[in-house]
Amino acid sequence: MKILPAMPSFPRERSQPLALIGRLGTAGLGALAVATATLLSPVATSPSIAQGTPGLMEFRWENNKDYRKLYFFTTDTTRMQRAEYYLMLRPKDRKTAILKLSISIPSHFDTTIDPKQVKLCRMSEGGMLKRTRCLETIPATIEVSANGRSIEIFPETPVSDKDTIGVYMNVFNPFNAGMYQFNALAQAPGDIPVSGYLGSWLIQIVPNNTN
């Protein structure tokens, strides 16, 4: 009797279809294709369905244990409406002064960001009785990449980790409703120019009110 070599091992989600092929044989491949398509369909796996918000997409490292959520405030979350964004960094969000701050922007955040409408501020964090706002503009050079996927901020002097700071933006919200993840990376003063991940602002844009 000829002994066939053992099948290579796969992660659980991949090994199940292979086991089914062995049991069903050629005649069952059609049914298996339907079952596999059902398992892999966006309806079955979409995080937006699990969260009860059909049609939304989420840009988030769900499997990354190092994901850190950052606080933000925006004056309007409706698609295509002008809004003021306050992307905040509290003292607890960073351990060193900041020499350079970089913000990555999702490719589906389809709007134009004017560097003249972006500034670095010392912030007053809002609450029940007051609104989040800029207390003082921190002198800095602001650069937006040509494709609009990143913002680079170079303060004139390193920004202390003792104050709550934030990036203010005045933009039009994107056309598509959904979840957008902005990532913050900062470079600390020192000899090694390496930027470290500080956290992410997860912003939800909602459809227009049809009522």
Protein backbone atom coordinates (compact mmCIF):
# COMPACT_ATOMS: atom_id res chain seq x y z
CA MET A 1 0.00 0.00 0.00
CA LYS A 2 1.34 3.41 -0.95
CA ILE A 3 1.56 5.81 2.02
CA LEU A 4 0.74 9.39 1.16
CA PRO A 5 2.77 12.19 2.83
CA ALA A 6 1.07 13.98 5.71
CA MET A 7 -0.81 17.17 4.93
CA PRO A 8 0.93 20.38 6.11
CA SER A 9 -0.64 22.09 9.11
CA PHE A 10 -2.58 25.37 8.71
CA PRO A 11 -4.21 27.81 11.08
CA ARG A 12 -7.64 26.60 12.16
CA GLU A 13 -9.62 28.87 9.84
CA ARG A 14 -7.73 27.51 6.82
CA SER A 15 -7.56 23.84 7.76
CA GLN A 16 -11.33 23.36 8.00
CA PRO A 17 -12.01 23.69 4.23
CA LEU A 18 -9.16 21.20 3.49
CA ALA A 19 -10.68 18.64 5.87
CA LEU A 20 -14.06 19.06 4.21
CA ILE A 21 -12.55 18.37 0.78
CA GLY A 22 -11.17 15.08 2.08
CA ARG A 23 -14.58 14.01 3.39
CA LEU A 24 -16.73 15.19 0.49
CA GLY A 25 -14.55 14.20 -2.46
CA THR A 26 -14.96 15.63 -5.95
CA ALA A 27 -18.75 15.29 -5.93
CA GLY A 28 -19.06 17.59 -2.93
CA LEU A 29 -16.85 20.42 -4.19
CA GLY A 30 -19.82 22.44 -5.46
CA ALA A 31 -21.53 22.40 -2.09
CA LEU A 32 -18.20 23.13 -0.38
CA ALA A 33 -17.69 26.18 -2.59
CA VAL A 34 -21.05 27.55 -1.53
CA ALA A 35 -20.30 26.86 2.16
CA THR A 36 -16.86 28.44 1.89
CA ALA A 37 -18.25 31.54 0.15
CA THR A 38 -20.79 31.87 2.96
CA LEU A 39 -18.08 31.62 5.62
CA LEU A 40 -15.93 34.24 3.90
CA SER A 41 -18.69 36.67 2.95
CA PRO A 42 -18.48 40.22 4.42
CA VAL A 43 -21.94 39.79 5.94
CA ALA A 44 -20.70 36.96 8.14
CA THR A 45 -17.44 38.57 9.22
CA SER A 46 -17.99 42.32 9.03
CA PRO A 47 -17.29 44.05 12.37
CA SER A 48 -19.93 46.62 11.45
CA ILE A 49 -22.67 43.99 11.61
CA ALA A 50 -21.43 42.77 14.97
CA GLN A 51 -21.61 46.31 16.27
CA GLY A 52 -25.13 46.82 14.94
CA THR A 53 -24.09 49.48 12.43
CA PRO A 54 -24.56 47.99 8.93
CA GLY A 55 -22.61 49.55 6.09
CA LEU A 56 -19.79 51.00 8.20
CA MET A 57 -16.13 50.12 7.79
CA GLU A 58 -13.66 50.19 10.63
CA PHE A 59 -9.95 50.96 10.26
CA ARG A 60 -8.54 49.52 13.45
CA TRP A 61 -5.90 47.00 14.51
CA GLU A 62 -8.39 44.69 16.21
CA ASN A 63 -5.76 41.97 16.74
CA ASN A 64 -3.04 44.31 18.00
CA LYS A 65 -2.80 44.25 21.78
CA ASP A 66 -0.78 47.46 21.62
CA TYR A 67 -3.66 49.50 20.19
CA ARG A 68 -4.29 52.57 22.35
CA LYS A 69 -7.39 54.71 22.00
CA LEU A 70 -6.91 58.49 22.13
CA TYR A 71 -9.51 61.13 22.98
CA PHE A 72 -10.87 63.50 20.34
CA PHE A 73 -13.68 65.97 19.83
CA THR A 74 -15.33 67.08 16.59
CA THR A 75 -18.04 69.65 16.04
CA ASP A 76 -19.87 67.63 13.38
CA THR A 77 -19.74 63.94 12.41
CA THR A 78 -22.11 64.16 9.42
CA ARG A 79 -20.69 63.22 6.03
CA MET A 80 -19.68 66.13 3.74
CA GLN A 81 -20.23 68.72 6.49
CA ARG A 82 -17.55 71.17 7.58
CA ALA A 83 -16.19 70.22 10.99
CA GLU A 84 -13.54 71.21 13.49
CA TYR A 85 -11.42 68.33 14.76
CA TYR A 86 -9.51 68.34 18.06
CA LEU A 87 -7.18 65.33 18.14
CA MET A 88 -5.91 65.33 21.68
CA LEU A 89 -2.85 63.97 23.49
CA ARG A 90 -3.07 63.99 27.27
CA PRO A 91 -0.01 63.76 29.54
CA LYS A 92 -0.84 60.09 30.19
CA ASP A 93 -0.67 59.40 26.44
CA ARG A 94 3.07 60.12 26.20
CA LYS A 95 6.16 59.68 28.33
CA THR A 96 8.56 62.14 26.71
CA ALA A 97 8.61 65.55 25.10
CA ILE A 98 7.71 65.66 21.41
CA LEU A 99 10.19 66.82 18.79
CA LYS A 100 8.04 65.77 15.83
CA LEU A 101 4.42 64.58 15.62
CA SER A 102 3.15 62.52 12.69
CA ILE A 103 -0.48 61.61 11.99
CA SER A 104 -1.37 58.92 9.46
CA ILE A 105 -4.74 59.28 7.74
CA PRO A 106 -6.79 56.45 6.18
CA SER A 107 -6.84 56.36 2.38
CA HIS A 108 -10.66 56.37 2.41
CA PHE A 109 -10.79 59.67 4.28
CA ASP A 110 -11.43 61.40 0.96
CA THR A 111 -11.17 65.07 1.72
CA THR A 112 -8.64 67.85 1.22
CA ILE A 113 -6.60 68.90 4.23
CA ASP A 114 -5.22 72.43 3.97
CA PRO A 115 -2.10 72.85 6.14
CA LYS A 116 -3.25 76.43 6.77
CA GLN A 117 -6.31 74.95 8.53
CA VAL A 118 -4.19 72.75 10.82
CA LYS A 119 -2.44 73.86 13.99
CA LEU A 120 -0.84 72.44 17.12
CA CYS A 121 -2.39 73.72 20.36
CA ARG A 122 -2.31 73.53 24.09
CA MET A 123 -5.81 72.30 24.77
CA SER A 124 -8.61 72.73 27.25
CA GLU A 125 -10.44 69.42 27.48
CA GLY A 126 -14.21 69.82 27.45
CA GLY A 127 -16.86 68.17 29.54
CA MET A 128 -20.47 68.62 30.62
CA LEU A 129 -20.14 72.36 31.21
CA LYS A 130 -17.46 73.46 28.76
CA ARG A 131 -16.34 72.77 25.22
CA THR A 132 -12.98 71.44 24.10
CA ARG A 133 -10.92 74.27 22.62
CA CYS A 134 -7.45 75.55 21.85
CA LEU A 135 -5.99 77.65 24.65
CA GLU A 136 -2.78 78.57 22.85
CA THR A 137 -1.25 77.87 19.45
CA ILE A 138 2.13 76.16 19.66
CA PRO A 139 4.51 77.53 16.98
CA ALA A 140 5.17 74.72 14.53
CA THR A 141 5.73 73.91 10.87
CA ILE A 142 2.83 71.90 9.43
CA GLU A 143 3.23 69.73 6.32
CA VAL A 144 0.54 67.65 4.61
CA SER A 145 1.70 64.97 2.17
CA ALA A 146 0.77 65.35 -1.50
CA ASN A 147 -1.65 62.42 -1.31
CA GLY A 148 -3.22 63.70 1.92
CA ARG A 149 -2.35 60.51 3.82
CA SER A 150 -0.16 62.06 6.51
CA ILE A 151 0.40 65.24 8.49
CA GLU A 152 3.88 66.09 9.77
CA ILE A 153 4.18 68.62 12.60
CA PHE A 154 7.52 70.11 13.63
CA PRO A 155 7.26 72.27 16.79
CA GLU A 156 9.83 75.07 17.01
CA THR A 157 10.84 73.69 20.42
CA PRO A 158 10.13 70.25 21.94
CA VAL A 159 6.64 70.07 23.44
CA SER A 160 6.53 69.07 27.10
CA ASP A 161 4.68 65.94 28.20
CA LYS A 162 3.15 67.86 31.13
CA ASP A 163 0.37 69.60 29.20
CA THR A 164 -2.64 68.39 27.21
CA ILE A 165 -1.97 69.22 23.59
CA GLY A 166 -3.88 68.58 20.41
CA VAL A 167 -4.00 68.94 16.66
CA TYR A 168 -6.78 71.21 15.43
CA MET A 169 -8.12 70.73 11.88
CA ASN A 170 -10.89 72.53 10.01
CA VAL A 171 -12.02 70.28 7.13
CA PHE A 172 -15.01 68.91 5.29
CA ASN A 173 -15.97 65.43 6.41
CA PRO A 174 -15.50 62.71 3.78
CA PHE A 175 -18.25 61.54 1.44
CA ASN A 176 -18.34 58.00 2.82
CA ALA A 177 -19.83 57.31 6.24
CA GLY A 178 -17.84 54.89 8.38
CA MET A 179 -15.07 54.53 10.94
CA TYR A 180 -11.70 56.17 10.30
CA GLN A 181 -8.55 55.48 12.32
CA PHE A 182 -5.97 58.25 12.61
CA ASN A 183 -2.66 57.05 14.11
CA ALA A 184 -0.31 59.27 16.12
CA LEU A 185 3.46 58.75 16.11
CA ALA A 186 5.92 60.99 17.92
CA GLN A 187 9.66 61.47 17.85
CA ALA A 188 11.31 62.33 21.15
CA PRO A 189 14.38 64.55 21.48
CA GLY A 190 17.58 62.55 21.26
CA ASP A 191 20.26 61.22 18.98
CA ILE A 192 18.11 58.49 17.37
CA PRO A 193 15.42 59.89 15.02
CA VAL A 194 12.81 57.17 15.61
CA SER A 195 9.08 57.81 15.92
CA GLY A 196 7.06 55.73 18.38
CA TYR A 197 3.35 54.91 18.29
CA LEU A 198 1.30 56.92 20.79
CA GLY A 199 -2.22 55.76 19.96
CA SER A 200 -5.13 56.22 17.58
CA TRP A 201 -8.18 58.41 17.20
CA LEU A 202 -11.10 56.33 15.95
CA ILE A 203 -13.58 58.71 14.33
CA GLN A 204 -17.07 57.81 13.14
CA ILE A 205 -18.66 59.68 10.25
CA VAL A 206 -22.43 59.22 10.01
CA PRO A 207 -24.86 59.50 7.06
CA ASN A 208 -26.90 62.64 6.51
CA ASN A 209 -30.02 62.97 8.63
CA THR A 210 -32.93 62.10 6.34
CA ASN A 211 -35.67 62.97 8.84
